[in-house]
Amino acid sequence: MNDESKIFLADMGMITPLGENTEKTAAAVRAGVSQLKESDYYSKAGKPINMSLVPEEVFPEITYKLNREEGTTFQMGVMLMMTDIALKQVMQNYSGDAPVPLFFSGPEAYQNGPYSVTQRFIEYITTQTSANIDMYNSRLFATGRTGVIDAVDLAIRYLQQTDAEYILVGGADSYQDDETLDFLDADDRVMSEGVMNGFVPGEAAGFLLLTNDVNKAMRHNSGVVSLSEPGLALEEGHMYSHEPYKGEGCSAAFKQALNGYNGKKIAKIYSSINGEQFWAKEYGVALNRNKSNFTNDVTLEHPADCLGDIGAAAGAILISLAANSLFNKCVDDTFLVACSSDQSYRAAICVNFEQL
């Protein structure tokens, strides 16, 4: 863990099925509130798929500006409307004139399955939100749940190597797409009547405004939140691979994220685990191989129990929930955020509260 490679949280914004901002979502997750319910989408067996969706009443005040844009889909429309809400939150206190690069995490591109968005989606975001985005230096990540942490890794280097003061990192995802649901349902992965080992598809958008200047960081209770250099790794035996599943990718991501960490033992992990049994093995392997960094009773927070699987938004939402908890706790401490994509990508990052 290199202190020179950390960056600071300047602001955050989100919308989830449980609330249209960080405070509401965090309070609902703490209370164990759930938005999981039967949807109007159906499985191959003709049963309603359980989903966790943002309530429709949140959206009427938003004008969808791309309804005539060729190539956009219903899924994209939902993602753009959620992005509109979350992006305006995160930029509400930004007073600079310079356009801000956006490193955006979108739905995972499957090798033999659906591919939802391309780099052009960032153009759609600027049209929808009118945000002051530096299009030339913006990037799209199509790695799914790990995408935001992948983007933070690039953001650290970007801020180190340029004169930029801020960078936007975030993601949005929605499973309201027939092709995606059919692809997942073919393997009995989506939760519906008769499916015992599936997950609840959700949707969300989350954004982080990041800076390498502590004086520009968001402050609360006389402290700031920093993000350390993340750990990124690949799992050869991933869900769509023929290689043996050993859980080594997640373990390697933990190890890299914790490299050089010398703080007190970590008592809380925020994870993208979504209820499928597949993910339990790699979490156990990762925790066992890095146990010297964790308390014996380390808590595993997996908000998918309340939110459903929020895909490419997971990294931003989990980092924001960790930051919210740290701000309220108001003591020097570190939580770990870990995300795993369906394919090989694995990522972990330390979220730290620092008193000033």
Protein backbone atom coordinates (compact mmCIF):
# COMPACT_ATOMS: atom_id res chain seq x y z
CA MET A 1 0.00 0.00 0.00
CA ASN A 2 1.68 3.16 -1.25
CA ASP A 3 0.48 6.40 0.38
CA GLU A 4 1.66 8.33 -2.67
CA SER A 5 -0.79 6.37 -4.81
CA LYS A 6 -3.92 7.12 -2.81
CA ILE A 7 -6.63 9.54 -3.84
CA PHE A 8 -9.36 11.30 -1.90
CA LEU A 9 -13.12 11.30 -2.11
CA ALA A 10 -14.37 14.78 -3.06
CA ASP A 11 -18.04 13.83 -3.35
CA MET A 12 -20.37 10.91 -4.06
CA GLY A 13 -23.80 10.33 -5.52
CA MET A 14 -26.04 7.33 -6.11
CA ILE A 15 -29.48 6.03 -6.83
CA THR A 16 -30.53 2.49 -5.93
CA PRO A 17 -33.81 0.60 -5.49
CA LEU A 18 -33.68 1.67 -1.82
CA GLY A 19 -33.14 5.40 -2.24
CA GLU A 20 -32.18 8.25 -4.52
CA ASN A 21 -29.04 9.21 -2.59
CA THR A 22 -26.30 7.78 -0.39
CA GLU A 23 -27.88 8.57 2.98
CA LYS A 24 -31.22 6.94 2.17
CA THR A 25 -29.62 3.86 0.67
CA ALA A 26 -27.16 3.45 3.56
CA ALA A 27 -29.94 3.79 6.15
CA ALA A 28 -32.11 1.24 4.34
CA VAL A 29 -29.25 -1.26 4.03
CA ARG A 30 -28.42 -0.87 7.73
CA ALA A 31 -32.07 -1.54 8.57
CA GLY A 32 -32.17 -4.59 6.32
CA VAL A 33 -34.89 -3.14 4.10
CA SER A 34 -35.35 -5.05 0.85
CA GLN A 35 -36.79 -4.06 -2.52
CA LEU A 36 -36.73 -7.61 -3.92
CA LYS A 37 -40.04 -8.60 -5.53
CA GLU A 38 -41.59 -10.34 -8.51
CA SER A 39 -41.19 -8.43 -11.79
CA ASP A 40 -42.93 -8.34 -15.16
CA TYR A 41 -40.06 -10.34 -16.66
CA TYR A 42 -40.45 -14.12 -16.95
CA SER A 43 -38.07 -17.07 -16.81
CA LYS A 44 -37.86 -19.82 -19.41
CA ALA A 45 -40.21 -21.80 -17.17
CA GLY A 46 -42.80 -19.03 -17.41
CA LYS A 47 -42.32 -17.89 -13.81
CA PRO A 48 -41.94 -14.22 -12.77
CA ILE A 49 -38.30 -13.28 -12.20
CA ASN A 50 -37.58 -11.68 -8.83
CA MET A 51 -35.90 -8.33 -9.36
CA SER A 52 -34.94 -5.21 -7.40
CA LEU A 53 -35.80 -2.11 -9.43
CA VAL A 54 -35.74 1.63 -8.85
CA PRO A 55 -39.38 2.71 -8.28
CA GLU A 56 -40.88 4.21 -11.43
CA GLU A 57 -42.11 7.29 -9.56
CA VAL A 58 -38.49 8.45 -9.22
CA PHE A 59 -38.16 9.01 -12.97
CA PRO A 60 -41.13 11.11 -14.23
CA GLU A 61 -39.36 14.41 -13.51
CA ILE A 62 -36.49 13.40 -15.79
CA THR A 63 -36.75 14.11 -19.48
CA TYR A 64 -35.20 11.27 -21.42
CA LYS A 65 -33.32 13.21 -24.09
CA LEU A 66 -32.30 10.27 -26.24
CA ASN A 67 -35.65 8.68 -27.05
CA ARG A 68 -34.98 9.18 -30.76
CA GLU A 69 -31.31 8.22 -30.67
CA GLU A 70 -30.71 5.26 -32.96
CA GLY A 71 -29.31 2.25 -31.18
CA THR A 72 -30.44 3.02 -27.65
CA THR A 73 -32.40 0.39 -25.74
CA PHE A 74 -34.80 0.36 -22.80
CA GLN A 75 -31.93 -0.83 -20.60
CA MET A 76 -29.81 2.13 -21.73
CA GLY A 77 -32.69 4.49 -21.01
CA VAL A 78 -32.97 3.27 -17.43
CA MET A 79 -29.20 3.52 -17.00
CA LEU A 80 -29.16 7.07 -18.37
CA MET A 81 -32.00 8.26 -16.14
CA MET A 82 -30.30 6.78 -13.07
CA THR A 83 -27.02 8.35 -14.17
CA ASP A 84 -28.77 11.72 -14.54
CA ILE A 85 -29.78 11.62 -10.87
CA ALA A 86 -26.52 10.29 -9.43
CA LEU A 87 -24.21 12.42 -11.58
CA LYS A 88 -25.97 15.65 -10.62
CA GLN A 89 -25.54 14.74 -6.95
CA VAL A 90 -21.83 14.09 -7.23
CA MET A 91 -21.21 17.30 -9.22
CA GLN A 92 -23.45 19.61 -7.20
CA ASN A 93 -20.52 21.19 -5.32
CA TYR A 94 -18.07 21.23 -8.22
CA SER A 95 -17.34 24.88 -9.00
CA GLY A 96 -14.52 24.48 -11.50
CA ASP A 97 -14.67 25.47 -15.16
CA ALA A 98 -12.49 22.65 -16.48
CA PRO A 99 -14.29 19.64 -17.98
CA VAL A 100 -13.85 16.52 -15.83
CA PRO A 101 -12.88 13.15 -17.36
CA LEU A 102 -15.33 10.33 -16.69
CA PHE A 103 -14.13 6.76 -16.22
CA PHE A 104 -17.39 4.86 -16.55
CA SER A 105 -18.20 1.25 -15.69
CA GLY A 106 -20.93 -0.36 -17.78
CA PRO A 107 -22.49 -3.83 -18.01
CA GLU A 108 -20.10 -6.74 -18.41
CA ALA A 109 -19.35 -7.69 -22.02
CA TYR A 110 -19.64 -11.47 -22.22
CA GLN A 111 -17.39 -13.33 -24.63
CA ASN A 112 -20.25 -15.46 -25.92
CA GLY A 113 -23.17 -13.39 -24.74
CA PRO A 114 -24.72 -9.92 -24.66
CA TYR A 115 -22.67 -6.75 -25.04
CA SER A 116 -24.74 -3.78 -23.90
CA VAL A 117 -22.79 -0.55 -24.32
CA THR A 118 -19.86 0.94 -26.22
CA GLN A 119 -17.68 4.03 -25.76
CA ARG A 120 -20.48 6.04 -27.35
CA PHE A 121 -22.51 5.58 -24.18
CA ILE A 122 -20.42 8.34 -22.60
CA GLU A 123 -21.68 10.65 -25.35
CA TYR A 124 -25.21 9.64 -24.40
CA ILE A 125 -24.43 10.53 -20.78
CA THR A 126 -23.29 14.05 -21.70
CA THR A 127 -26.41 14.56 -23.82
CA GLN A 128 -28.70 13.30 -21.07
CA THR A 129 -27.08 15.08 -18.12
CA SER A 130 -25.45 18.17 -19.72
CA ALA A 131 -22.54 17.48 -17.36
CA ASN A 132 -19.22 19.21 -18.02
CA ILE A 133 -17.39 16.03 -19.08
CA ASP A 134 -14.01 15.88 -20.80
CA MET A 135 -14.99 13.52 -23.60
CA TYR A 136 -11.49 13.13 -25.04
CA ASN A 137 -10.01 11.71 -21.83
CA SER A 138 -13.06 9.71 -20.74
CA ARG A 139 -13.00 5.91 -20.79
CA LEU A 140 -15.50 3.05 -20.73
CA PHE A 141 -14.96 -0.15 -18.73
CA ALA A 142 -17.11 -3.14 -19.70
CA THR A 143 -15.87 -5.51 -16.98
CA GLY A 144 -19.04 -5.55 -14.89
CA ARG A 145 -18.85 -5.60 -11.08
CA THR A 146 -15.11 -4.85 -10.94
CA GLY A 147 -15.36 -1.96 -13.41
CA VAL A 148 -15.39 0.93 -10.94
CA ILE A 149 -12.36 -0.38 -9.04
CA ASP A 150 -10.61 -0.97 -12.37
CA ALA A 151 -11.41 2.67 -13.16
CA VAL A 152 -10.06 3.90 -9.80
CA ASP A 153 -6.75 2.20 -10.62
CA LEU A 154 -6.51 4.18 -13.86
CA ALA A 155 -7.75 7.35 -12.15
CA ILE A 156 -4.88 7.25 -9.66
CA ARG A 157 -2.34 7.14 -12.47
CA TYR A 158 -4.20 9.77 -14.48
CA LEU A 159 -4.15 12.25 -11.59
CA GLN A 160 -0.47 11.52 -10.95
CA GLN A 161 0.57 12.06 -14.56
CA THR A 162 -1.57 15.05 -15.56
CA ASP A 163 -2.44 18.44 -14.10
CA ALA A 164 -6.09 17.45 -13.64
CA GLU A 165 -7.50 18.30 -10.21
CA TYR A 166 -10.51 16.00 -10.33
CA ILE A 167 -11.76 12.89 -12.06
CA LEU A 168 -15.18 11.25 -12.12
CA VAL A 169 -15.41 7.51 -11.60
CA GLY A 170 -18.70 5.67 -11.60
CA GLY A 171 -20.97 3.08 -13.07
CA ALA A 172 -24.54 2.21 -13.93
CA ASP A 173 -26.25 -1.06 -14.70
CA SER A 174 -29.71 -2.54 -15.12
CA TYR A 175 -30.84 -6.06 -15.86
CA GLN A 176 -33.96 -4.79 -17.63
CA ASP A 177 -32.83 -6.31 -20.90
CA ASP A 178 -34.43 -9.40 -22.44
CA GLU A 179 -31.23 -10.64 -24.06
CA THR A 180 -29.25 -10.39 -20.83
CA LEU A 181 -31.96 -12.06 -18.75
CA ASP A 182 -32.36 -14.86 -21.30
CA PHE A 183 -28.58 -15.42 -21.31
CA LEU A 184 -28.48 -15.72 -17.52
CA ASP A 185 -31.74 -17.66 -17.25
CA ALA A 186 -30.39 -20.29 -19.66
CA ASP A 187 -28.08 -21.36 -16.80
CA ASP A 188 -30.77 -20.99 -14.10
CA ARG A 189 -28.93 -18.02 -12.61
CA VAL A 190 -31.82 -15.59 -12.09
CA MET A 191 -34.05 -16.06 -9.07
CA SER A 192 -37.58 -17.23 -9.75
CA GLU A 193 -39.86 -20.00 -8.50
CA GLY A 194 -37.99 -23.30 -8.65
CA VAL A 195 -34.50 -21.76 -8.85
CA MET A 196 -32.52 -22.57 -5.71
CA ASN A 197 -29.10 -21.13 -6.57
CA GLY A 198 -29.72 -17.87 -8.38
CA PHE A 199 -29.43 -14.14 -7.79
CA VAL A 200 -31.89 -11.26 -7.86
CA PRO A 201 -31.13 -8.88 -10.76
CA GLY A 202 -31.08 -5.24 -9.69
CA GLU A 203 -30.15 -1.81 -11.01
CA ALA A 204 -28.32 1.26 -9.72
CA ALA A 205 -25.99 4.10 -10.59
CA GLY A 206 -23.17 5.42 -8.43
CA PHE A 207 -20.47 8.05 -8.96
CA LEU A 208 -17.38 9.25 -7.09
CA LEU A 209 -15.63 12.59 -7.61
CA LEU A 210 -11.96 11.94 -6.83
CA THR A 211 -8.95 14.20 -6.29
CA ASN A 212 -5.32 13.79 -5.27
CA ASP A 213 -5.43 17.05 -3.27
CA VAL A 214 -6.50 16.48 0.34
CA ASN A 215 -7.55 20.14 0.55
CA LYS A 216 -10.23 19.46 -2.07
CA ALA A 217 -11.51 16.32 -0.34
CA MET A 218 -14.99 15.93 1.11
CA ARG A 219 -14.82 16.51 4.88
CA HIS A 220 -17.04 15.19 7.62
CA ASN A 221 -16.42 14.95 11.37
CA SER A 222 -12.96 16.48 10.87
CA GLY A 223 -11.83 13.75 8.54
CA VAL A 224 -11.52 12.66 4.92
CA VAL A 225 -11.87 9.36 3.09
CA SER A 226 -9.06 8.10 0.89
CA LEU A 227 -8.84 5.20 -1.54
CA SER A 228 -5.61 3.22 -1.66
CA GLU A 229 -4.14 1.69 -4.79
CA PRO A 230 -6.42 -1.25 -5.62
CA GLY A 231 -5.59 -4.88 -6.18
CA LEU A 232 -6.57 -6.28 -9.57
CA ALA A 233 -6.32 -9.93 -10.59
CA LEU A 234 -7.74 -12.57 -12.90
CA GLU A 235 -9.51 -15.82 -12.00
CA GLU A 236 -8.69 -18.50 -14.56
CA GLY A 237 -11.47 -20.78 -13.34
CA HIS A 238 -14.24 -18.21 -13.60
CA MET A 239 -17.92 -18.94 -14.10
CA TYR A 240 -17.67 -19.23 -17.89
CA SER A 241 -14.30 -20.98 -18.04
CA HIS A 242 -13.44 -24.66 -18.44
CA GLU A 243 -10.47 -24.25 -16.07
CA PRO A 244 -10.72 -25.52 -12.46
CA TYR A 245 -12.21 -22.95 -10.09
CA LYS A 246 -9.67 -22.37 -7.29
CA GLY A 247 -10.63 -18.91 -6.04
CA GLU A 248 -7.08 -17.66 -6.54
CA GLY A 249 -8.04 -14.48 -8.41
CA CYS A 250 -9.95 -12.99 -5.49
CA SER A 251 -7.17 -13.98 -3.10
CA ALA A 252 -4.58 -12.29 -5.32
CA ALA A 253 -6.69 -9.10 -5.49
CA PHE A 254 -6.95 -9.05 -1.67
CA LYS A 255 -3.20 -9.57 -1.33
CA GLN A 256 -2.33 -6.79 -3.76
CA ALA A 257 -4.79 -4.34 -2.20
CA LEU A 258 -3.36 -5.09 1.26
CA ASN A 259 0.29 -5.01 0.18
CA GLY A 260 2.13 -2.83 2.70
CA TYR A 261 -0.96 -2.29 4.85
CA ASN A 262 0.15 -1.69 8.45
CA GLY A 263 -3.00 -0.34 10.08
CA LYS A 264 -5.14 -2.08 12.65
CA LYS A 265 -6.84 -5.29 11.63
CA ILE A 266 -9.74 -4.76 9.25
CA ALA A 267 -13.14 -5.55 10.77
CA LYS A 268 -15.43 -5.08 7.78
CA ILE A 269 -15.50 -6.15 4.13
CA TYR A 270 -18.02 -4.86 1.59
CA SER A 271 -18.55 -7.45 -1.12
CA SER A 272 -20.42 -7.85 -4.40
CA ILE A 273 -21.48 -11.40 -3.36
CA ASN A 274 -25.02 -11.79 -4.71
CA GLY A 275 -26.37 -15.01 -3.17
CA GLU A 276 -25.05 -17.50 -5.72
CA GLN A 277 -23.07 -20.27 -4.03
CA PHE A 278 -20.27 -19.88 -6.57
CA TRP A 279 -18.85 -16.81 -4.83
CA ALA A 280 -18.53 -18.32 -1.34
CA LYS A 281 -15.46 -20.40 -2.19
CA GLU A 282 -13.29 -17.56 -3.44
CA TYR A 283 -14.25 -15.35 -0.49
CA GLY A 284 -13.21 -18.13 1.91
CA VAL A 285 -9.91 -18.67 0.08
CA ALA A 286 -9.16 -14.93 -0.03
CA LEU A 287 -9.93 -14.42 3.65
CA ASN A 288 -7.96 -17.46 4.77
CA ARG A 289 -4.85 -16.53 2.77
CA ASN A 290 -4.91 -12.94 4.03
CA LYS A 291 -6.24 -13.57 7.55
CA SER A 292 -3.41 -11.71 9.27
CA ASN A 293 -4.96 -8.44 8.06
CA PHE A 294 -8.46 -9.13 9.44
CA THR A 295 -10.06 -9.47 12.86
CA ASN A 296 -11.27 -12.93 13.82
CA ASP A 297 -14.88 -11.75 13.69
CA VAL A 298 -14.58 -9.71 10.48
CA THR A 299 -18.02 -8.71 9.17
CA LEU A 300 -18.97 -9.39 5.57
CA GLU A 301 -21.42 -6.83 4.20
CA HIS A 302 -23.16 -7.91 1.00
CA PRO A 303 -25.87 -5.33 0.21
CA ALA A 304 -27.14 -7.45 -2.69
CA ASP A 305 -29.38 -9.03 -0.03
CA CYS A 306 -31.25 -5.71 -0.04
CA LEU A 307 -30.45 -4.17 -3.43
CA GLY A 308 -30.17 -7.19 -5.66
CA ASP A 309 -27.13 -7.61 -7.90
CA ILE A 310 -26.28 -4.12 -9.17
CA GLY A 311 -23.62 -5.22 -11.64
CA ALA A 312 -21.33 -2.48 -12.95
CA ALA A 313 -22.51 -0.01 -10.29
CA ALA A 314 -21.31 -2.29 -7.47
CA GLY A 315 -17.88 -0.75 -6.95
CA ALA A 316 -19.16 2.82 -6.60
CA ILE A 317 -22.09 1.84 -4.38
CA LEU A 318 -19.95 -0.33 -2.08
CA ILE A 319 -17.19 2.30 -1.80
CA SER A 320 -19.81 4.95 -1.01
CA LEU A 321 -21.49 2.77 1.63
CA ALA A 322 -18.10 2.07 3.20
CA ALA A 323 -17.25 5.79 3.14
CA ASN A 324 -20.60 6.70 4.68
CA SER A 325 -20.02 4.22 7.50
CA LEU A 326 -16.48 5.50 8.08
CA PHE A 327 -17.61 9.14 8.13
CA ASN A 328 -20.22 8.29 10.76
CA LYS A 329 -17.77 6.21 12.79
CA CYS A 330 -15.32 9.13 12.87
CA VAL A 331 -12.13 7.26 13.84
CA ASP A 332 -9.10 6.31 11.79
CA ASP A 333 -10.09 3.01 10.24
CA THR A 334 -10.04 0.98 7.02
CA PHE A 335 -12.65 -1.19 5.32
CA LEU A 336 -12.02 -3.42 2.32
CA VAL A 337 -14.26 -3.40 -0.76
CA ALA A 338 -14.12 -6.49 -3.00
CA CYS A 339 -15.84 -7.15 -6.32
CA SER A 340 -15.91 -10.16 -8.63
CA SER A 341 -17.21 -10.21 -12.19
CA ASP A 342 -18.81 -13.22 -13.85
CA GLN A 343 -15.75 -13.67 -16.04
CA SER A 344 -12.13 -13.46 -14.93
CA TYR A 345 -11.95 -9.98 -13.38
CA ARG A 346 -11.37 -9.63 -9.63
CA ALA A 347 -10.71 -6.41 -7.69
CA ALA A 348 -10.30 -5.13 -4.14
CA ILE A 349 -9.55 -1.74 -2.60
CA CYS A 350 -8.97 -0.27 0.86
CA VAL A 351 -11.27 2.61 1.86
CA ASN A 352 -9.72 4.65 4.67
CA PHE A 353 -10.94 7.34 7.09
CA GLU A 354 -8.21 9.80 8.06
CA GLN A 355 -8.63 12.40 10.77
CA LEU A 356 -7.08 15.77 9.96
